[in-house]
């Protein structure tokens, strides 16, 4: 047996690009959430549903903070990056609070949309009893 036979091949290294792709994916998610929240504010305001409008406006504040401060903070400059024993690049992160907050905001918006469809209301587009002029 020659040296190197039977050894597992080294995992391909992406030089930390996976970290950048993950950061960009979270950023896109936060931007999409902000767009949906603002559209929801506009629609609920036109339908004069004050409680929903105020709740959506409150949800836009943490989303905007996450977008401005970074979701999660990028590690592309090389700080907070570590290479494990297997050669894979990891991000040293103290916690996942930012990602958790964004996930909770997305889930809250989803529940609001589900309730709006199921409970309906005076301006429910799914209400078949409303006649359109």
Protein backbone atom coordinates (compact mmCIF):
# COMPACT_ATOMS: atom_id res chain seq x y z
CA UNK A 1 0.00 0.00 0.00
CA UNK A 2 1.45 3.37 -0.96
CA UNK A 3 1.14 6.43 1.24
CA UNK A 4 -2.07 8.25 0.56
CA UNK A 5 -4.03 5.12 -0.41
CA UNK A 6 -7.04 4.62 1.79
CA UNK A 7 -6.83 8.16 3.10
CA UNK A 8 -10.04 10.09 2.73
CA UNK A 9 -9.76 12.87 0.15
CA UNK A 10 -9.53 16.35 1.60
CA UNK A 11 -12.85 18.19 1.51
CA UNK A 12 -12.97 20.95 -1.07
CA UNK A 13 -12.38 24.35 0.47
CA UNK A 14 -14.40 27.29 -0.72
CA UNK A 15 -12.25 29.88 1.03
CA UNK A 16 -15.11 31.19 3.15
CA UNK A 17 -17.52 31.75 0.26
CA UNK A 18 -20.21 29.64 1.92
CA UNK A 19 -20.22 32.14 4.76
CA UNK A 20 -20.72 34.99 2.27
CA UNK A 21 -23.54 33.13 0.49
CA UNK A 22 -25.31 32.53 3.81
CA UNK A 23 -24.94 36.18 4.77
CA UNK A 24 -26.38 37.30 1.43
CA UNK A 25 -29.28 34.85 1.77
CA UNK A 26 -30.21 36.27 5.20
CA UNK A 27 -29.93 39.80 3.81
CA UNK A 28 -32.24 38.94 0.89
CA UNK A 29 -34.71 37.39 3.32
CA UNK A 30 -34.72 40.54 5.46
CA UNK A 31 -35.21 42.80 2.42
CA UNK A 32 -38.07 40.63 1.13
CA UNK A 33 -39.69 40.69 4.55
CA UNK A 34 -39.46 44.48 4.65
CA UNK A 35 -41.14 44.73 1.24
CA UNK A 36 -43.99 42.43 2.30
CA UNK A 37 -44.45 44.36 5.54
CA UNK A 38 -44.66 47.69 3.72
CA UNK A 39 -47.11 46.30 1.17
CA UNK A 40 -49.16 44.93 4.05
CA UNK A 41 -49.16 48.34 5.73
CA UNK A 42 -50.42 49.95 2.55
CA UNK A 43 -53.17 47.39 1.98
CA UNK A 44 -54.39 47.34 5.58
CA UNK A 45 -54.32 51.15 5.74
CA UNK A 46 -56.49 51.40 2.63
CA UNK A 47 -58.91 48.86 4.12
CA UNK A 48 -58.97 50.92 7.33
CA UNK A 49 -57.90 48.00 9.50
CA UNK A 50 -56.10 49.98 12.15
CA UNK A 51 -54.94 47.11 14.37
CA UNK A 52 -53.31 45.25 11.48
CA UNK A 53 -51.71 48.42 10.15
CA UNK A 54 -50.20 49.31 13.51
CA UNK A 55 -48.96 45.75 14.08
CA UNK A 56 -47.31 45.67 10.65
CA UNK A 57 -45.71 49.06 11.26
CA UNK A 58 -44.32 47.78 14.56
CA UNK A 59 -42.90 44.71 12.77
CA UNK A 60 -41.06 46.89 10.26
CA UNK A 61 -38.89 48.48 12.98
CA UNK A 62 -36.87 45.38 13.96
CA UNK A 63 -36.68 44.32 10.32
CA UNK A 64 -35.20 47.69 9.38
CA UNK A 65 -32.71 47.44 12.25
CA UNK A 66 -31.65 43.99 11.05
CA UNK A 67 -31.17 45.25 7.49
CA UNK A 68 -29.13 48.28 8.56
CA UNK A 69 -26.92 46.44 11.05
CA UNK A 70 -26.50 43.28 9.00
CA UNK A 71 -28.20 39.89 9.21
CA UNK A 72 -25.98 38.27 10.43
CA UNK A 73 -22.96 40.50 10.38
CA UNK A 74 -20.70 39.67 7.48
CA UNK A 75 -17.35 38.02 8.16
CA UNK A 76 -15.90 38.52 4.69
CA UNK A 77 -13.03 40.69 5.84
CA UNK A 78 -11.51 37.66 7.53
CA UNK A 79 -12.33 38.49 11.10
CA UNK A 80 -14.26 35.87 13.03
CA UNK A 81 -13.40 33.18 10.46
CA UNK A 82 -11.85 29.93 11.63
CA UNK A 83 -10.71 26.85 9.73
CA UNK A 84 -11.65 23.59 11.40
CA UNK A 85 -9.58 20.41 11.59
CA UNK A 86 -11.31 19.13 8.47
CA UNK A 87 -10.36 22.23 6.46
CA UNK A 88 -13.86 23.73 6.40
CA UNK A 89 -14.21 27.46 7.10
CA UNK A 90 -16.54 28.38 9.94
CA UNK A 91 -17.80 31.66 11.38
CA UNK A 92 -17.13 32.27 15.03
CA UNK A 93 -20.44 33.59 16.21
CA UNK A 94 -21.36 34.14 19.83
CA UNK A 95 -25.04 33.43 19.25
CA UNK A 96 -27.78 33.30 16.65
CA UNK A 97 -30.03 36.03 18.00
CA UNK A 98 -30.18 37.99 14.74
CA UNK A 99 -31.11 34.95 12.69
CA UNK A 100 -33.64 33.89 15.30
CA UNK A 101 -35.22 37.35 15.32
CA UNK A 102 -35.55 37.36 11.54
CA UNK A 103 -37.08 33.87 11.61
CA UNK A 104 -39.61 34.98 14.22
CA UNK A 105 -40.51 38.07 12.17
CA UNK A 106 -41.11 35.93 9.08
CA UNK A 107 -43.24 33.50 11.10
CA UNK A 108 -45.26 36.36 12.64
CA UNK A 109 -45.98 37.85 9.23
CA UNK A 110 -47.04 34.43 7.97
CA UNK A 111 -49.44 33.94 10.89
CA UNK A 112 -50.90 37.41 10.30
CA UNK A 113 -51.52 36.61 6.63
CA UNK A 114 -53.09 33.26 7.51
CA UNK A 115 -55.40 34.87 10.06
CA UNK A 116 -56.35 37.61 7.60
CA UNK A 117 -57.40 35.00 5.05
CA UNK A 118 -59.18 32.70 7.50
CA UNK A 119 -60.99 35.35 9.54
CA UNK A 120 -61.70 37.67 6.68
CA UNK A 121 -63.05 41.11 7.25
CA UNK A 122 -64.87 43.91 5.49
CA UNK A 123 -62.28 44.16 2.75
CA UNK A 124 -61.46 40.49 2.35
CA UNK A 125 -60.75 39.80 -1.33
CA UNK A 126 -61.77 36.16 -0.84
CA UNK A 127 -65.26 37.10 0.35
CA UNK A 128 -67.65 35.91 -2.36
CA UNK A 129 -70.58 37.90 -0.99
CA UNK A 130 -69.04 41.26 -1.87
CA UNK A 131 -70.24 42.57 -5.20
CA UNK A 132 -67.77 44.43 -7.35
CA UNK A 133 -69.04 47.39 -9.35
